[in-house]
Amino acid sequence: MSVRVRMAPSPTGFLHIGGVRTFLFNWLFARGRGGECLLRIENTDTSREVEESVEQIERSLRWLGIDWDGDTTFQLDRMGRAQEEAQRLVDEGTAYEDEGAIRIRMPDEGVTGWDDAIKGRIDVASAELEDLVLVRSDGRPTYNFASPLEDWLDGITHVIRGDDHVSNTPKQIHVLRALGAEPPTYAHVPSVFGEDGRKLSKRHGAVSVDEFRAAGYLAEALMNFLALLGWAPDGETTIMAPEELVERFSLERVGSSPATFDYAKLDWMNGVYLRALPSDEYADRLLTYLREQGHDWPEDRIRAAAPLVQEKIGRFGEFPGFAGFLFHDVEPDQGLLDAQVLAAAEASLRDTEPWSADAIEASLKRLCDDLGEKPRTVYLPIRVAVTGSRVSPGLYESLELLGRETSLERLRAGTDAAKAAA
């Protein structure tokens, strides 16, 4: 039988990155075995369904590079079939009516167990299982009925989901057996925690794909990072393209302990991907990102700045703070300005020809000799006056891109500000 899995999010407002990691494991497992991956919206709780949430789920998965087979389906689309199957179970004596609802009888003795593809053998005392509501009095199926029912109807071979669903599995196994279906292989992946050992939430930082996208992470870097949350091919390889992830992923290499979401490691990994991009593609993707974020800065200057920042920033979201001085006025820290240095720099650069990084470098090095100071002493007030920050792209290249007129204007303004603060 060919492998068939399903991703089954609830439409609860946004797609949590921990859930996305689980979807990624489903996708990698299926694609690596020539199987199918379905997208099913678990909307049995209609009060939680938001149309925008479904669009966000699909948009997030597509951006990350996760696709699915066929159309997106909704559990309530099969409400009629669920009601029919529940009535069949009543007729067969394995379920019964209770105040307008339908419940399935759970066994009172023995254990209900399964061989989990990640956690190993799990056995639950059947006495711990209460009779389960299959269909509510208003006719809507419950999650623990609709989910296994659809797994059966869709021919799902492997249910790969978060380990918070372990408690649901024995109930769903009984539902499937009552329906006359063989349970699929279950694989419960470990939870994702923050570095404080608590379940990942907004207090740790970004937790939705939209937030990571807005922060300027590359989709392929985020996919690579998420794949390594709880899985490792050999304990050594870190950087892997989607094709390699698909080829190497296996459930046997997924651990059972919680995974830690390390934001610093993600920043490092994203930086590796950014620096590996060809310069033209880097500029294209930087421009696309800035346009998505509402920046209407001149395209030619963005492209000119791209080579200056490619080796410096770890994600596109750092660009406005790092190179924004090229596109808007700055407010330098007056405590870091030096009127004597800035006035001398303005005089030295006024006649620099041509206005190029090489010529600017020569002028500023002569200035250091004239002042009898080291470059780091002279360059700091110049950098702060021109860029508004102690940290920026290369000073010579920054001045070249900014242009002679604007550079000299900022040096004069810095001189005046330093004098006023003295």
Protein backbone atom coordinates (compact mmCIF):
# COMPACT_ATOMS: atom_id res chain seq x y z
CA MET A 1 0.00 0.00 0.00
CA SER A 2 1.29 3.46 -0.89
CA VAL A 3 1.97 5.89 1.94
CA ARG A 4 -0.77 8.44 2.58
CA VAL A 5 -0.66 11.00 5.40
CA ARG A 6 -2.74 14.01 6.34
CA MET A 7 -2.06 17.40 7.85
CA ALA A 8 -5.05 18.34 9.96
CA PRO A 9 -4.90 21.81 11.54
CA SER A 10 -7.74 23.50 13.39
CA PRO A 11 -8.76 26.94 12.10
CA THR A 12 -7.86 28.73 15.32
CA GLY A 13 -6.45 32.02 14.07
CA PHE A 14 -2.87 31.26 13.05
CA LEU A 15 -0.63 28.32 12.30
CA HIS A 16 1.68 27.69 15.27
CA ILE A 17 5.26 26.92 14.29
CA GLY A 18 5.18 23.73 16.39
CA GLY A 19 2.27 22.49 14.30
CA VAL A 20 4.11 23.46 11.14
CA ARG A 21 7.05 21.28 12.23
CA THR A 22 4.64 18.35 12.54
CA PHE A 23 3.17 19.09 9.09
CA LEU A 24 6.70 19.18 7.71
CA PHE A 25 7.42 15.72 9.14
CA ASN A 26 4.27 14.42 7.42
CA TRP A 27 5.28 16.02 4.14
CA LEU A 28 8.88 14.79 4.26
CA PHE A 29 7.76 11.26 5.13
CA ALA A 30 5.22 11.09 2.31
CA ARG A 31 7.30 12.77 -0.38
CA GLY A 32 10.32 10.63 0.42
CA ARG A 33 8.26 7.50 -0.27
CA GLY A 34 6.33 8.62 -3.32
CA GLY A 35 3.20 8.95 -1.21
CA GLU A 36 0.41 11.47 -0.84
CA CYS A 37 -0.09 14.25 1.66
CA LEU A 38 -3.60 15.59 2.28
CA LEU A 39 -4.69 18.85 3.95
CA ARG A 40 -7.78 18.52 6.13
CA ILE A 41 -9.25 21.31 8.24
CA GLU A 42 -10.57 19.91 11.51
CA ASN A 43 -13.56 22.18 11.95
CA THR A 44 -15.83 20.08 14.15
CA ASP A 45 -15.84 22.99 16.63
CA THR A 46 -17.56 25.50 14.33
CA SER A 47 -17.26 28.34 16.82
CA ARG A 48 -13.50 28.37 16.24
CA GLU A 49 -13.58 28.40 12.46
CA VAL A 50 -12.39 31.58 10.81
CA GLU A 51 -12.21 31.80 7.02
CA GLU A 52 -9.12 33.97 7.22
CA SER A 53 -7.44 31.29 9.32
CA VAL A 54 -7.79 28.70 6.56
CA GLU A 55 -6.29 31.14 4.06
CA GLN A 56 -3.44 31.82 6.48
CA ILE A 57 -2.80 28.10 6.92
CA GLU A 58 -2.63 27.50 3.17
CA ARG A 59 -0.53 30.62 2.56
CA SER A 60 1.92 29.69 5.32
CA LEU A 61 2.41 26.14 4.08
CA ARG A 62 2.87 27.24 0.46
CA TRP A 63 5.43 29.90 1.42
CA LEU A 64 7.41 27.38 3.42
CA GLY A 65 7.42 24.98 0.47
CA ILE A 66 4.95 22.39 1.79
CA ASP A 67 2.36 21.37 -0.80
CA TRP A 68 -0.50 18.89 -0.62
CA ASP A 69 -2.43 16.61 -2.92
CA GLY A 70 -5.95 17.48 -4.05
CA ASP A 71 -8.19 20.14 -2.59
CA THR A 72 -8.26 21.20 1.02
CA THR A 73 -11.11 19.35 2.77
CA PHE A 74 -13.19 20.13 5.84
CA GLN A 75 -14.34 17.56 8.37
CA LEU A 76 -17.88 18.90 8.53
CA ASP A 77 -18.25 18.27 4.80
CA ARG A 78 -18.69 14.62 5.82
CA MET A 79 -21.12 15.28 8.65
CA GLY A 80 -23.83 13.27 6.89
CA ARG A 81 -21.54 10.26 6.51
CA ALA A 82 -20.51 10.55 10.17
CA GLN A 83 -24.15 10.49 11.25
CA GLU A 84 -24.83 7.43 9.08
CA GLU A 85 -21.84 5.52 10.46
CA ALA A 86 -22.77 6.44 14.05
CA GLN A 87 -26.29 5.13 13.48
CA ARG A 88 -24.83 1.94 12.01
CA LEU A 89 -22.85 1.42 15.19
CA VAL A 90 -26.02 1.93 17.21
CA ASP A 91 -27.79 -0.65 15.07
CA GLU A 92 -24.90 -3.07 15.54
CA GLY A 93 -24.95 -2.58 19.31
CA THR A 94 -21.48 -1.06 19.73
CA ALA A 95 -22.90 2.44 20.31
CA TYR A 96 -26.02 3.79 21.99
CA GLU A 97 -28.14 6.93 22.18
CA ASP A 98 -27.77 9.15 25.25
CA GLU A 99 -29.88 12.31 25.60
CA GLY A 100 -29.94 12.90 21.89
CA ALA A 101 -26.23 12.17 21.44
CA ILE A 102 -24.62 8.92 20.31
CA ARG A 103 -21.90 7.30 22.40
CA ILE A 104 -19.64 4.35 21.65
CA ARG A 105 -19.06 1.69 24.29
CA MET A 106 -15.48 1.39 25.43
CA PRO A 107 -14.15 -1.91 26.82
CA ASP A 108 -14.01 -2.30 30.59
CA GLU A 109 -11.14 -4.78 30.77
CA GLY A 110 -7.71 -5.37 29.33
CA VAL A 111 -5.49 -2.80 27.66
CA THR A 112 -5.59 -0.85 24.45
CA GLY A 113 -2.17 -0.57 22.89
CA TRP A 114 -0.26 0.22 19.74
CA ASP A 115 3.31 0.24 18.50
CA ASP A 116 4.09 3.90 18.11
CA ALA A 117 6.60 4.55 15.32
CA ILE A 118 8.39 7.09 17.51
CA LYS A 119 7.57 6.33 21.15
CA GLY A 120 7.55 2.57 20.93
CA ARG A 121 4.91 0.38 22.58
CA ILE A 122 2.16 2.25 24.44
CA ASP A 123 -0.52 0.45 26.45
CA VAL A 124 -3.48 2.12 28.16
CA ALA A 125 -5.75 0.36 30.62
CA SER A 126 -9.15 0.11 28.94
CA ALA A 127 -10.85 0.86 32.26
CA GLU A 128 -9.48 4.40 31.98
CA LEU A 129 -11.50 5.02 28.81
CA GLU A 130 -14.96 6.48 29.23
CA ASP A 131 -17.71 5.89 26.68
CA LEU A 132 -17.05 8.42 23.94
CA VAL A 133 -19.56 10.79 22.37
CA LEU A 134 -19.49 10.23 18.61
CA VAL A 135 -22.23 12.62 17.53
CA ARG A 136 -23.53 15.52 19.60
CA SER A 137 -27.23 16.11 20.12
CA ASP A 138 -27.15 18.81 17.41
CA GLY A 139 -25.85 16.26 14.86
CA ARG A 140 -22.22 17.42 14.74
CA PRO A 141 -19.57 14.72 15.06
CA THR A 142 -16.90 15.10 17.75
CA TYR A 143 -13.22 15.34 16.92
CA ASN A 144 -12.48 11.85 18.24
CA PHE A 145 -15.05 10.40 15.85
CA ALA A 146 -14.62 12.58 12.78
CA SER A 147 -10.84 12.32 12.76
CA PRO A 148 -10.48 8.52 12.72
CA LEU A 149 -13.52 8.22 10.46
CA GLU A 150 -11.87 10.41 7.87
CA ASP A 151 -8.54 8.64 8.31
CA TRP A 152 -10.40 5.46 7.33
CA LEU A 153 -12.33 7.01 4.45
CA ASP A 154 -9.20 8.73 3.10
CA GLY A 155 -7.04 5.62 3.33
CA ILE A 156 -4.53 7.22 5.68
CA THR A 157 -1.66 4.82 6.35
CA HIS A 158 0.31 6.88 8.89
CA VAL A 159 -0.98 9.41 11.41
CA ILE A 160 2.00 11.60 12.32
CA ARG A 161 0.97 14.16 14.92
CA GLY A 162 2.00 15.90 18.12
CA ASP A 163 2.41 13.87 21.29
CA ASP A 164 -0.42 15.85 22.92
CA HIS A 165 -2.67 13.49 20.94
CA VAL A 166 -1.40 10.33 22.64
CA SER A 167 -4.41 10.34 24.98
CA ASN A 168 -6.77 10.41 21.97
CA THR A 169 -5.21 7.44 20.23
CA PRO A 170 -6.75 4.54 22.24
CA LYS A 171 -10.21 6.07 21.81
CA GLN A 172 -9.69 6.44 18.07
CA ILE A 173 -8.37 2.90 17.76
CA HIS A 174 -11.63 1.61 19.28
CA VAL A 175 -13.66 3.80 16.93
CA LEU A 176 -11.82 2.43 13.91
CA ARG A 177 -12.19 -1.18 15.00
CA ALA A 178 -15.88 -0.67 15.64
CA LEU A 179 -16.19 0.72 12.11
CA GLY A 180 -14.46 -2.38 10.79
CA ALA A 181 -11.26 -0.58 9.86
CA GLU A 182 -7.65 -1.39 10.63
CA PRO A 183 -5.93 1.44 12.54
CA PRO A 184 -3.11 3.24 10.72
CA THR A 185 0.45 3.44 12.02
CA TYR A 186 0.62 6.13 14.70
CA ALA A 187 3.70 8.29 15.23
CA HIS A 188 3.61 10.94 17.94
CA VAL A 189 6.32 13.57 17.51
CA PRO A 190 7.82 15.38 20.51
CA SER A 191 6.62 18.80 21.64
CA VAL A 192 8.55 21.97 20.86
CA PHE A 193 9.73 23.91 23.91
CA GLY A 194 11.33 27.27 24.42
CA GLU A 195 14.80 27.45 25.95
CA ASP A 196 13.21 27.78 29.39
CA GLY A 197 11.82 24.24 29.07
CA ARG A 198 8.22 25.40 28.71
CA LYS A 199 5.98 24.82 25.70
CA LEU A 200 6.79 27.30 22.94
CA SER A 201 4.52 30.34 23.03
CA LYS A 202 4.53 34.03 22.20
CA ARG A 203 6.48 34.83 25.33
CA HIS A 204 9.49 33.24 23.62
CA GLY A 205 9.17 35.29 20.42
CA ALA A 206 7.64 34.71 17.00
CA VAL A 207 5.49 31.56 16.83
CA SER A 208 3.59 31.82 13.52
CA VAL A 209 4.91 31.42 9.99
CA ASP A 210 3.67 34.93 9.15
CA GLU A 211 5.80 36.35 11.96
CA PHE A 212 8.93 34.55 10.80
CA ARG A 213 8.28 35.65 7.23
CA ALA A 214 7.81 39.26 8.35
CA ALA A 215 11.06 39.06 10.33
CA GLY A 216 12.91 38.30 7.10
CA TYR A 217 13.74 34.61 7.34
CA LEU A 218 14.14 32.58 4.16
CA ALA A 219 11.58 29.81 3.69
CA GLU A 220 14.21 27.20 2.91
CA ALA A 221 16.24 28.12 6.01
CA LEU A 222 13.16 27.90 8.23
CA MET A 223 12.26 24.52 6.70
CA ASN A 224 15.78 23.23 7.33
CA PHE A 225 15.67 24.46 10.94
CA LEU A 226 12.23 22.99 11.65
CA ALA A 227 13.22 19.62 10.21
CA LEU A 228 15.98 19.38 12.82
CA LEU A 229 13.58 19.98 15.73
CA GLY A 230 13.42 16.44 17.03
CA TRP A 231 14.98 14.74 14.01
CA ALA A 232 18.57 14.29 12.90
CA PRO A 233 19.85 12.21 9.99
CA ASP A 234 23.24 11.45 11.52
CA GLY A 235 23.92 13.85 14.37
CA GLU A 236 26.34 15.88 12.24
CA THR A 237 24.74 17.28 9.09
CA THR A 238 23.05 20.64 9.63
CA ILE A 239 22.52 22.48 6.34
CA MET A 240 20.24 20.51 4.01
CA ALA A 241 18.24 21.59 0.99
CA PRO A 242 14.59 20.47 0.79
CA GLU A 243 15.51 17.71 -1.65
CA GLU A 244 18.03 16.24 0.78
CA LEU A 245 15.58 16.50 3.65
CA VAL A 246 13.00 14.55 1.64
CA GLU A 247 15.56 11.90 0.73
CA ARG A 248 16.94 11.40 4.24
CA PHE A 249 13.94 11.84 6.53
CA SER A 250 12.73 8.80 8.47
CA LEU A 251 10.55 8.29 11.53
CA GLU A 252 13.22 6.03 13.03
CA ARG A 253 15.49 9.05 13.51
CA VAL A 254 12.84 11.16 15.26
CA GLY A 255 13.51 11.38 18.98
CA SER A 256 10.90 11.08 21.70
CA SER A 257 12.19 13.91 23.92
CA PRO A 258 10.94 17.50 23.57
CA ALA A 259 12.78 19.63 21.04
CA THR A 260 14.13 23.08 21.94
CA PHE A 261 13.46 26.02 19.64
CA ASP A 262 16.76 27.91 19.56
CA TYR A 263 16.17 31.32 17.97
CA ALA A 264 19.92 32.05 17.89
CA LYS A 265 20.54 28.87 15.90
CA LEU A 266 17.79 29.83 13.48
CA ASP A 267 19.40 33.26 12.99
CA TRP A 268 22.75 31.58 12.35
CA MET A 269 21.25 29.12 9.88
CA ASN A 270 19.35 31.85 8.05
CA GLY A 271 22.57 33.83 7.75
CA VAL A 272 24.28 30.83 6.18
CA TYR A 273 21.52 30.60 3.58
CA LEU A 274 21.57 34.36 2.89
CA ARG A 275 25.31 34.46 2.35
CA ALA A 276 25.12 31.47 -0.01
CA LEU A 277 22.69 33.21 -2.37
CA PRO A 278 24.05 34.53 -5.69
CA SER A 279 24.29 38.32 -5.43
CA ASP A 280 21.54 38.97 -7.99
CA GLU A 281 19.13 36.58 -6.28
CA TYR A 282 19.98 38.09 -2.91
CA ALA A 283 19.08 41.56 -4.20
CA ASP A 284 15.87 40.26 -5.81
CA ARG A 285 14.70 38.59 -2.63
CA LEU A 286 15.69 41.54 -0.45
CA LEU A 287 13.69 43.85 -2.71
CA THR A 288 10.68 41.52 -2.63
CA TYR A 289 10.83 41.36 1.16
CA LEU A 290 11.06 45.13 1.58
CA ARG A 291 8.12 45.65 -0.78
CA GLU A 292 6.08 43.09 1.19
CA GLN A 293 6.83 45.06 4.34
CA GLY A 294 5.66 48.31 2.78
CA HIS A 295 9.01 50.00 2.10
CA ASP A 296 8.85 51.97 -1.16
CA TRP A 297 12.53 52.90 -1.19
CA PRO A 298 14.25 53.34 -4.60
CA GLU A 299 14.99 49.98 -6.19
CA ASP A 300 18.36 51.03 -7.57
CA ARG A 301 19.64 52.06 -4.15
CA ILE A 302 18.34 48.85 -2.52
CA ARG A 303 20.17 46.80 -5.15
CA ALA A 304 23.32 48.88 -4.68
CA ALA A 305 23.16 48.34 -0.91
CA ALA A 306 22.57 44.59 -1.15
CA PRO A 307 26.26 43.60 -1.57
CA LEU A 308 27.17 45.74 1.45
CA VAL A 309 24.80 43.89 3.77
CA GLN A 310 24.85 40.33 2.45
CA GLU A 311 27.76 39.33 4.70
CA LYS A 312 26.56 41.41 7.63
CA ILE A 313 22.93 40.61 8.45
CA GLY A 314 21.31 37.34 9.48
CA ARG A 315 17.83 38.06 8.15
CA PHE A 316 16.21 40.60 5.85
CA GLY A 317 14.33 42.16 8.75
CA GLU A 318 17.63 43.64 9.97
CA PHE A 319 18.10 45.65 6.77
CA PRO A 320 15.99 48.71 7.71
CA GLY A 321 17.88 49.15 10.99
CA PHE A 322 21.27 48.41 9.44
CA ALA A 323 21.02 50.34 6.18
CA GLY A 324 17.93 52.51 6.62
CA PHE A 325 20.15 55.61 6.81
CA LEU A 326 20.46 55.35 3.03
CA PHE A 327 16.74 56.06 2.66
CA HIS A 328 15.79 58.47 5.45
CA ASP A 329 17.18 61.09 7.82
CA VAL A 330 19.03 60.01 10.94
CA GLU A 331 19.18 61.19 14.54
CA PRO A 332 22.73 60.57 15.80
CA ASP A 333 23.64 60.25 19.46
CA GLN A 334 25.18 63.64 20.24
CA GLY A 335 27.36 62.08 22.92
CA LEU A 336 29.25 60.18 20.20
CA LEU A 337 29.89 63.19 17.97
CA ASP A 338 33.13 65.16 17.82
CA ALA A 339 32.90 68.65 16.30
CA GLN A 340 36.61 68.88 15.45
CA VAL A 341 36.71 65.51 13.68
CA LEU A 342 33.46 66.09 11.81
CA ALA A 343 34.43 69.55 10.60
CA ALA A 344 37.78 68.22 9.38
CA ALA A 345 36.06 65.25 7.69
CA GLU A 346 33.63 67.56 5.91
CA ALA A 347 36.50 69.68 4.64
CA SER A 348 38.51 66.63 3.57
CA LEU A 349 35.63 64.99 1.71
CA ARG A 350 34.32 68.14 0.07
CA ASP A 351 36.92 68.00 -2.69
CA THR A 352 37.25 64.21 -2.96
CA GLU A 353 37.22 63.10 -6.60
CA PRO A 354 35.77 60.89 -7.83
CA TRP A 355 33.09 60.21 -5.22
CA SER A 356 33.95 56.52 -4.89
CA ALA A 357 34.71 54.19 -2.03
CA ASP A 358 38.40 54.03 -2.97
CA ALA A 359 38.81 57.82 -3.16
CA ILE A 360 36.83 58.30 0.06
CA GLU A 361 39.07 55.76 1.80
CA ALA A 362 42.19 57.61 0.68
CA SER A 363 40.80 60.96 1.90
CA LEU A 364 39.80 59.61 5.31
CA LYS A 365 43.13 57.87 5.85
CA ARG A 366 44.92 61.14 5.07
CA LEU A 367 42.60 62.80 7.58
CA CYS A 368 43.67 60.31 10.27
CA ASP A 369 47.33 61.15 9.54
CA ASP A 370 46.62 64.89 9.67
CA LEU A 371 44.81 64.55 13.00
CA GLY A 372 47.39 62.14 14.40
CA GLU A 373 44.64 59.72 15.40
CA LYS A 374 43.87 56.08 14.67
CA PRO A 375 41.02 55.30 12.21
CA ARG A 376 38.76 53.84 14.91
CA THR A 377 38.92 57.13 16.80
CA VAL A 378 38.20 59.24 13.71
CA TYR A 379 35.70 56.96 12.02
CA LEU A 380 33.30 56.52 14.93
CA PRO A 381 31.94 60.11 15.02
CA ILE A 382 31.83 60.15 11.20
CA ARG A 383 29.91 56.88 11.08
CA VAL A 384 27.47 58.03 13.78
CA ALA A 385 26.87 61.40 12.11
CA VAL A 386 26.30 59.88 8.68
CA THR A 387 24.46 56.63 9.53
CA GLY A 388 22.96 57.43 12.92
CA SER A 389 24.50 54.28 14.39
CA ARG A 390 27.75 52.83 15.69
CA VAL A 391 27.12 49.81 13.45
CA SER A 392 26.61 50.06 9.69
CA PRO A 393 27.88 48.68 6.40
CA GLY A 394 31.42 49.64 5.36
CA LEU A 395 31.96 53.36 5.97
CA TYR A 396 33.54 54.11 2.59
CA GLU A 397 30.84 52.26 0.66
CA SER A 398 28.11 53.82 2.80
CA LEU A 399 29.36 57.33 2.04
CA GLU A 400 29.60 56.51 -1.67
CA LEU A 401 26.03 55.23 -1.79
CA LEU A 402 24.69 58.09 0.29
CA GLY A 403 26.18 60.59 -2.14
CA ARG A 404 28.42 63.60 -1.68
CA GLU A 405 25.72 66.17 -0.98
CA THR A 406 23.86 64.18 1.68
CA SER A 407 27.09 62.96 3.32
CA LEU A 408 28.51 66.47 3.66
CA GLU A 409 25.17 67.78 4.89
CA ARG A 410 25.07 65.17 7.67
CA LEU A 411 28.66 65.91 8.65
CA ARG A 412 27.86 69.63 8.94
CA ALA A 413 24.71 68.84 10.96
CA GLY A 414 26.76 66.59 13.22
CA THR A 415 29.34 69.33 13.74
CA ASP A 416 26.63 71.82 14.74
CA ALA A 417 24.98 69.30 17.07
CA ALA A 418 28.31 68.52 18.76
CA LYS A 419 29.06 72.20 19.28
CA ALA A 420 25.59 72.83 20.68
CA ALA A 421 25.95 69.94 23.12
CA ALA A 422 29.40 71.10 24.31
